[in-house]
Protein backbone atom coordinates (compact mmCIF):
# COMPACT_ATOMS: atom_id res chain seq x y z
CA UNK A 1 42.65 5.77 28.19
CA UNK A 2 41.93 2.22 26.98
CA UNK A 3 41.50 1.78 23.19
CA UNK A 4 39.02 -0.70 21.64
CA UNK A 5 40.67 -3.28 19.34
CA UNK A 6 37.64 -4.85 17.69
CA UNK A 7 38.95 -4.58 14.15
CA UNK A 8 42.44 -5.57 15.29
CA UNK A 9 41.08 -8.66 16.99
CA UNK A 10 39.06 -9.66 13.94
CA UNK A 11 42.16 -9.43 11.78
CA UNK A 12 44.73 -11.08 14.06
CA UNK A 13 42.66 -13.27 16.42
CA UNK A 14 40.32 -14.78 13.84
CA UNK A 15 42.55 -17.89 13.38
CA UNK A 16 42.55 -18.30 17.15
CA UNK A 17 38.74 -18.20 17.26
CA UNK A 18 38.54 -20.96 14.64
CA UNK A 19 40.93 -23.08 16.66
CA UNK A 20 38.89 -22.55 19.82
CA UNK A 21 35.72 -23.59 18.01
CA UNK A 22 37.34 -26.99 17.36
CA UNK A 23 38.45 -27.67 20.97
CA UNK A 24 39.92 -29.81 22.31
CA UNK A 25 43.02 -28.90 20.33
CA UNK A 26 46.37 -30.48 20.10
CA UNK A 27 47.82 -27.97 17.69
CA UNK A 28 50.96 -26.56 19.27
CA UNK A 29 53.87 -24.80 17.70
CA UNK A 30 57.12 -26.67 17.51
CA UNK A 31 58.34 -27.05 21.10
CA UNK A 32 61.90 -25.95 20.57
CA UNK A 33 64.23 -24.12 22.91
CA UNK A 34 64.18 -21.10 20.60
CA UNK A 35 60.33 -20.96 20.55
CA UNK A 36 60.16 -21.28 24.33
CA UNK A 37 62.70 -18.52 24.77
CA UNK A 38 60.90 -16.22 22.33
CA UNK A 39 57.53 -16.95 23.96
CA UNK A 40 58.94 -16.13 27.40
CA UNK A 41 60.43 -12.90 26.08
CA UNK A 42 57.13 -11.83 24.48
CA UNK A 43 55.25 -12.83 27.63
CA UNK A 44 57.52 -10.72 29.87
CA UNK A 45 57.35 -7.80 27.42
CA UNK A 46 53.56 -7.98 27.35
CA UNK A 47 53.29 -7.78 31.14
CA UNK A 48 55.62 -4.77 31.19
CA UNK A 49 53.58 -2.98 28.46
CA UNK A 50 50.38 -3.72 30.42
CA UNK A 51 51.89 -2.09 33.47
CA UNK A 52 52.74 0.98 31.37
CA UNK A 53 49.12 1.22 30.15
CA UNK A 54 50.02 0.26 26.56
CA UNK A 55 47.26 -2.31 26.13
CA UNK A 56 47.33 -2.44 22.34
CA UNK A 57 51.01 -3.40 22.36
CA UNK A 58 50.51 -5.72 25.33
CA UNK A 59 47.72 -7.53 23.50
CA UNK A 60 49.99 -8.03 20.50
CA UNK A 61 52.77 -9.54 22.66
CA UNK A 62 50.44 -11.95 24.47
CA UNK A 63 48.91 -13.04 21.15
CA UNK A 64 52.37 -13.83 19.66
CA UNK A 65 53.52 -15.58 22.84
CA UNK A 66 50.36 -17.74 22.81
CA UNK A 67 50.87 -18.64 19.14
CA UNK A 68 54.41 -19.89 19.93
CA UNK A 69 53.55 -21.64 23.19
CA UNK A 70 49.79 -22.07 23.83
CA UNK A 71 49.76 -22.94 27.51
CA UNK A 72 47.18 -22.18 30.20
CA UNK A 73 49.43 -19.33 31.35
CA UNK A 74 49.76 -17.54 27.99
CA UNK A 75 46.04 -18.08 27.21
CA UNK A 76 45.00 -16.71 30.61
CA UNK A 77 47.04 -13.53 30.11
CA UNK A 78 45.66 -13.09 26.59
CA UNK A 79 42.10 -13.46 27.93
CA UNK A 80 42.80 -10.93 30.67
CA UNK A 81 44.03 -8.38 28.13
CA UNK A 82 40.96 -8.96 25.97
CA UNK A 83 38.78 -8.50 29.05
CA UNK A 84 40.53 -5.21 29.82
CA UNK A 85 39.85 -4.11 26.24
CA UNK A 86 36.09 -4.92 26.63
CA UNK A 87 36.31 -7.80 24.18
CA UNK A 88 34.32 -9.94 26.58
CA UNK A 89 32.99 -12.50 24.12
CA UNK A 90 36.41 -13.62 22.89
CA UNK A 91 37.89 -13.38 26.39
CA UNK A 92 35.16 -15.68 27.71
CA UNK A 93 35.77 -18.25 24.98
CA UNK A 94 39.49 -18.32 25.78
CA UNK A 95 38.83 -18.77 29.49
CA UNK A 96 36.38 -21.62 28.86
CA UNK A 97 38.83 -23.34 26.50
CA UNK A 98 41.59 -23.39 29.13
CA UNK A 99 39.74 -26.11 31.05
CA UNK A 100 39.84 -28.39 28.00
CA UNK A 101 43.55 -27.88 27.22
CA UNK A 102 45.49 -31.12 27.57
CA UNK A 103 47.81 -31.40 30.55
CA UNK A 104 51.39 -31.97 29.37
CA UNK A 105 54.22 -33.57 31.25
CA UNK A 106 56.06 -30.28 31.26
CA UNK A 107 53.17 -28.25 32.77
CA UNK A 108 54.33 -26.38 35.85
CA UNK A 109 52.53 -25.50 39.02
CA UNK A 110 52.00 -22.07 37.53
CA UNK A 111 50.01 -23.68 34.72
CA UNK A 112 47.75 -25.48 37.17
CA UNK A 113 47.12 -22.23 39.04
CA UNK A 114 46.26 -20.56 35.72
CA UNK A 115 43.54 -23.16 35.18
CA UNK A 116 41.94 -22.34 38.53
CA UNK A 117 42.16 -18.59 37.94
CA UNK A 118 40.63 -19.02 34.47
CA UNK A 119 37.67 -20.92 35.93
CA UNK A 120 36.85 -18.15 38.42
CA UNK A 121 37.42 -15.37 35.90
CA UNK A 122 35.24 -17.12 33.28
CA UNK A 123 32.17 -16.89 35.52
CA UNK A 124 32.73 -13.18 36.18
CA UNK A 125 33.17 -12.35 32.49
CA UNK A 126 30.08 -14.39 31.53
CA UNK A 127 27.89 -12.25 33.80
CA UNK A 128 29.19 -9.03 32.23
CA UNK A 129 28.59 -9.95 28.56
CA UNK A 130 25.67 -8.00 27.03
CA UNK A 131 22.97 -9.95 25.17
CA UNK A 132 21.03 -8.77 22.11
CA UNK A 133 17.80 -10.26 20.73
CA UNK A 134 17.00 -9.23 17.13
CA UNK A 135 13.34 -9.45 16.10
CA UNK A 136 12.56 -9.27 12.39
CA UNK A 137 9.04 -8.34 11.32
CA UNK A 138 7.58 -9.05 7.85
CA UNK A 139 10.85 -10.64 6.70
CA UNK A 140 10.81 -13.61 4.31
CA UNK A 141 14.52 -14.37 3.64
CA UNK A 142 16.45 -11.98 5.91
CA UNK A 143 20.21 -11.47 6.12
CA UNK A 144 21.61 -9.82 9.25
CA UNK A 145 25.05 -8.31 9.82
CA UNK A 146 26.53 -6.98 13.07
CA UNK A 147 29.55 -4.76 12.54
CA UNK A 148 29.76 -6.10 8.97
CA UNK A 149 29.94 -9.71 10.21
CA UNK A 150 27.09 -12.08 9.13
CA UNK A 151 24.84 -13.55 11.79
CA UNK A 152 23.67 -17.14 11.28
CA UNK A 153 19.97 -17.97 11.23
CA UNK A 154 20.40 -20.09 14.35
CA UNK A 155 21.66 -17.08 16.33
CA UNK A 156 18.67 -15.01 15.17
CA UNK A 157 16.35 -17.30 17.12
CA UNK A 158 18.16 -16.71 20.45
CA UNK A 159 20.06 -14.05 22.36
CA UNK A 160 23.36 -13.03 20.80
CA UNK A 161 26.35 -12.43 23.04
CA UNK A 162 28.01 -9.19 22.01
CA UNK A 163 30.71 -6.90 23.39
CA UNK A 164 29.66 -3.69 25.16
CA UNK A 165 29.77 -0.50 23.08
CA UNK A 166 28.13 0.85 19.93
CA UNK A 167 27.29 -1.64 17.19
CA UNK A 168 25.90 -1.29 13.70
CA UNK A 169 23.14 -3.73 12.73
CA UNK A 170 22.13 -4.13 9.07
CA UNK A 171 19.25 -6.34 7.93
CA UNK A 172 18.33 -7.08 4.31
CA UNK A 173 15.26 -8.79 2.92
CA UNK A 174 14.99 -8.77 -0.83
CA UNK A 175 15.39 -5.17 -1.97
CA UNK A 176 14.57 -3.71 1.47
CA UNK A 177 17.40 -2.74 3.82
CA UNK A 178 17.17 -1.61 7.44
CA UNK A 179 20.10 -0.12 9.36
CA UNK A 180 20.23 0.59 13.09
CA UNK A 181 22.88 1.56 15.64
CA UNK A 182 22.61 0.25 19.17
CA UNK A 183 24.72 0.99 22.26
CA UNK A 184 25.10 -1.70 24.94
CA UNK A 185 26.67 -1.65 28.39
CA UNK A 186 27.96 -4.56 30.43
CA UNK A 187 25.32 -7.06 31.70
CA UNK A 188 22.58 -5.46 29.56
CA UNK A 189 19.89 -7.48 27.74
CA UNK A 190 18.35 -5.59 24.83
CA UNK A 191 15.79 -6.29 22.11
CA UNK A 192 16.13 -4.69 18.68
CA UNK A 193 13.03 -4.84 16.48
CA UNK A 194 13.48 -4.39 12.74
CA UNK A 195 10.09 -4.02 11.00
CA UNK A 196 10.20 -4.43 7.25
CA UNK A 197 7.44 -2.78 5.20
CA UNK A 198 4.56 -5.02 4.22
CA UNK A 199 5.06 -6.02 0.58
CA UNK A 200 2.45 -4.66 -1.75
CA UNK A 201 0.38 -7.24 -3.62
CA UNK A 202 1.21 -7.51 -7.31
CA UNK A 203 -0.79 -5.22 -9.48
CA UNK A 204 -3.14 -7.01 -11.81
CA UNK A 205 -3.66 -5.19 -15.04
CA UNK A 206 -7.31 -5.14 -16.09
CA UNK A 207 -8.03 -7.33 -19.10
CA UNK A 208 -9.81 -5.55 -21.91
CA UNK A 209 -13.06 -7.31 -22.74
CA UNK A 210 -14.65 -6.48 -26.06
CA UNK A 211 -18.38 -6.02 -25.67
CA UNK A 212 -20.25 -7.17 -28.79
CA UNK A 213 -22.12 -4.45 -30.53
CA UNK A 214 -25.90 -4.85 -30.49
CA UNK A 215 -27.39 -6.06 -33.76
CA UNK A 216 -29.79 -3.45 -35.10
CA UNK A 217 -33.33 -4.76 -35.42
CA UNK A 218 -35.75 -3.61 -38.09
CA UNK A 219 -39.18 -2.66 -36.87
CA UNK A 220 -42.21 -1.86 -38.99
CA UNK A 221 -43.45 1.66 -38.66
CA UNK A 222 -46.95 1.76 -37.24
CA UNK A 223 -48.89 4.84 -38.12
CA UNK A 224 -51.54 5.67 -35.56
CA UNK A 225 -54.21 7.88 -37.01
CA UNK A 226 -54.80 11.03 -35.10
CA UNK A 227 -58.32 11.34 -33.76
CA UNK A 228 -60.52 14.09 -35.09
CA UNK A 229 -60.23 17.15 -32.98
CA UNK A 230 -63.14 17.59 -30.67
CA UNK A 231 -64.53 21.04 -31.09
CA UNK A 232 -64.13 23.15 -28.08
CA UNK A 233 -67.37 23.63 -26.25
CA UNK A 234 -68.23 27.19 -25.62
CA UNK A 235 -69.92 28.33 -22.49
CA UNK A 236 -73.55 29.53 -22.27
CA UNK A 237 -74.06 33.09 -23.38
CA UNK A 238 -74.85 35.58 -20.59
CA UNK A 239 -78.05 36.45 -22.47
CA UNK A 240 -79.56 33.10 -21.49
CA UNK A 241 -79.65 33.52 -17.71
CA UNK A 242 -80.25 37.28 -17.90
CA UNK A 243 -83.08 36.93 -20.40
CA UNK A 244 -84.77 34.09 -18.57
CA UNK A 245 -84.42 35.82 -15.20
CA UNK A 246 -85.81 39.17 -16.46
CA UNK A 247 -88.57 37.32 -18.32
CA UNK A 248 -89.56 35.41 -15.19
CA UNK A 249 -89.64 38.57 -13.06
CA UNK A 250 -91.67 40.42 -15.69
CA UNK A 251 -94.25 37.67 -16.05
CA UNK A 252 -94.67 37.31 -12.30
CA UNK A 253 -95.01 41.09 -11.91
CA UNK A 254 -97.60 41.14 -14.68
CA UNK A 255 -99.61 38.40 -13.02
CA UNK A 256 -99.62 40.12 -9.64
CA UNK A 257 -100.53 43.59 -10.89
CA UNK A 258 -103.08 42.10 -13.30
CA UNK A 259 -104.76 40.17 -10.52
CA UNK A 260 -105.00 43.31 -8.36
CA UNK A 261 -106.40 45.31 -11.26
CA UNK A 262 -108.95 42.57 -12.00
CA UNK A 263 -110.18 42.65 -8.42
CA UNK A 264 -110.92 46.40 -8.75
CA UNK A 265 -113.09 45.99 -11.85
CA UNK A 266 -116.26 44.95 -9.98
CA UNK A 267 -116.07 47.95 -7.66
CA UNK A 268 -115.62 50.38 -10.54
CA UNK A 269 -118.50 48.82 -12.48
CA UNK A 270 -120.77 49.33 -9.50
CA UNK A 271 -119.75 52.95 -8.84
CA UNK A 272 -119.44 54.14 -12.40
CA UNK A 273 -122.60 54.28 -14.49
CA UNK A 274 -122.44 54.74 -18.23
CA UNK A 275 -118.67 55.03 -17.89
CA UNK A 276 -119.08 58.07 -15.65
CA UNK A 277 -117.39 57.77 -12.29
CA UNK A 278 -118.05 60.00 -9.29
CA UNK A 279 -115.18 61.90 -7.64
CA UNK A 280 -115.03 59.36 -4.81
CA UNK A 281 -113.77 56.72 -7.21
CA UNK A 282 -111.17 58.84 -8.96
CA UNK A 283 -108.32 57.55 -6.77
CA UNK A 284 -109.38 53.95 -7.25
CA UNK A 285 -109.74 54.53 -10.99
CA UNK A 286 -106.29 56.06 -11.20
CA UNK A 287 -104.78 53.13 -9.29
CA UNK A 288 -106.66 50.67 -11.48
CA UNK A 289 -105.34 52.27 -14.63
CA UNK A 290 -101.79 52.31 -13.27
CA UNK A 291 -101.95 48.64 -12.29
CA UNK A 292 -103.40 47.72 -15.65
CA UNK A 293 -100.64 49.60 -17.43
CA UNK A 294 -97.95 48.09 -15.20
CA UNK A 295 -99.30 44.57 -15.72
CA UNK A 296 -99.32 45.07 -19.45
CA UNK A 297 -95.78 46.47 -19.54
CA UNK A 298 -94.53 43.68 -17.20
CA UNK A 299 -96.01 41.00 -19.47
CA UNK A 300 -94.51 42.61 -22.53
CA UNK A 301 -91.01 43.00 -21.02
CA UNK A 302 -91.10 39.54 -19.42
CA UNK A 303 -92.20 37.90 -22.60
CA UNK A 304 -89.57 39.71 -24.65
CA UNK A 305 -86.79 38.87 -22.19
CA UNK A 306 -87.88 35.23 -21.96
CA UNK A 307 -87.95 35.00 -25.72
CA UNK A 308 -84.50 36.54 -26.00
CA UNK A 309 -83.11 34.07 -23.44
CA UNK A 310 -84.72 31.13 -25.22
CA UNK A 311 -83.31 32.20 -28.59
CA UNK A 312 -79.81 32.67 -27.07
CA UNK A 313 -79.97 29.20 -25.49
CA UNK A 314 -80.89 27.63 -28.84
CA UNK A 315 -77.99 29.43 -30.53
CA UNK A 316 -75.52 28.22 -27.83
CA UNK A 317 -76.67 24.62 -28.15
CA UNK A 318 -76.24 24.80 -31.90
CA UNK A 319 -72.70 26.25 -31.69
CA UNK A 320 -71.55 23.56 -29.15
CA UNK A 321 -72.53 20.60 -31.35
CA UNK A 322 -69.92 18.70 -33.51
CA UNK A 323 -71.28 20.25 -36.65
CA UNK A 324 -71.67 23.87 -35.89
CA UNK A 325 -74.82 25.41 -37.28
CA UNK A 326 -74.58 28.91 -38.45
CA UNK A 327 -77.51 30.91 -37.18
CA UNK A 328 -78.55 34.26 -38.41
CA UNK A 329 -77.87 37.16 -36.11
CA UNK A 330 -80.58 37.75 -33.55
CA UNK A 331 -81.89 41.28 -33.23
CA UNK A 332 -84.77 42.33 -30.96
CA UNK A 333 -86.13 45.78 -30.22
CA UNK A 334 -88.83 47.00 -27.78
CA UNK A 335 -90.75 50.04 -29.08
CA UNK A 336 -93.64 52.19 -27.77
CA UNK A 337 -96.57 51.97 -30.16
CA UNK A 338 -99.57 54.24 -29.43
CA UNK A 339 -100.83 53.36 -25.96
CA UNK A 340 -98.94 50.00 -25.93
CA UNK A 341 -95.57 48.34 -26.60
CA UNK A 342 -94.39 46.38 -29.64
CA UNK A 343 -91.54 43.84 -29.95
CA UNK A 344 -89.62 43.70 -33.20
CA UNK A 345 -86.93 41.26 -33.98
CA UNK A 346 -85.28 38.97 -36.54
CA UNK A 347 -83.66 35.56 -36.08
């Protein structure tokens, strides 16, 4: 099973990456017979280890051989081993740099063939490199790290070439930190959005404002005299309507019965001589006497009742005035006196 060497490559191949960034290069190790012999030995050992499936050791041998003798052949084999280890980004950079390596007078036909192979392999590797676009939301001064390596601001505006596998992305903006893990496969294009929380607006403490106290004003006391109480008006005494009504009925009754009795007088005077009346007039005489008595009693009762009502009315009017007038108690009495009636009273 093939083992990833990302940390190994960062530790041992970092100087190589710096050199590749400054291509074209003319930095070669001392071209001595001993260096060439050692480079050939490491090169042959690397190919044997690759055939045995020991890619970590093979990568180490190719790296050391390339450091001693950086030729298109040693660089091609180093790029192939990086490609086999899924380090596609670095492998692609090595393959591209082979085309810009200077041709020396000692370059063999094998070196020229390595250039052609590198050109074809570079296109294949380029198509397999995953690409990652990082989108930062609500970030003012962000810092981004992929696998603990800083990412420049220029790379944040475009797609980042990255090796396939699982990667740890950390973004910082002020005191806020976001951390995500993302897994990429060959030829994949992914977008990773990192939304930072919206910063809260600064709290503004309310300023205490002293409200001036109102100046007390002196006002003169105004005394409003209370009006004199209006005496409560009393209602009319029941004696007034009762007395007047009974008096009116009595007087009317007296007038009617008196008129009837008066009309019978001429008949009785004709029939009765010397105050002696025949038997034929007894009924008329009895009726005449009854009517006369009724008329008299009706006049007496009506007059007494009317007088009582009038006196009660006067007393009520006096008691309802502003200055009440004390009136003596009213007392009336109807009595039978001989063959008639008598009214007695005091007021």
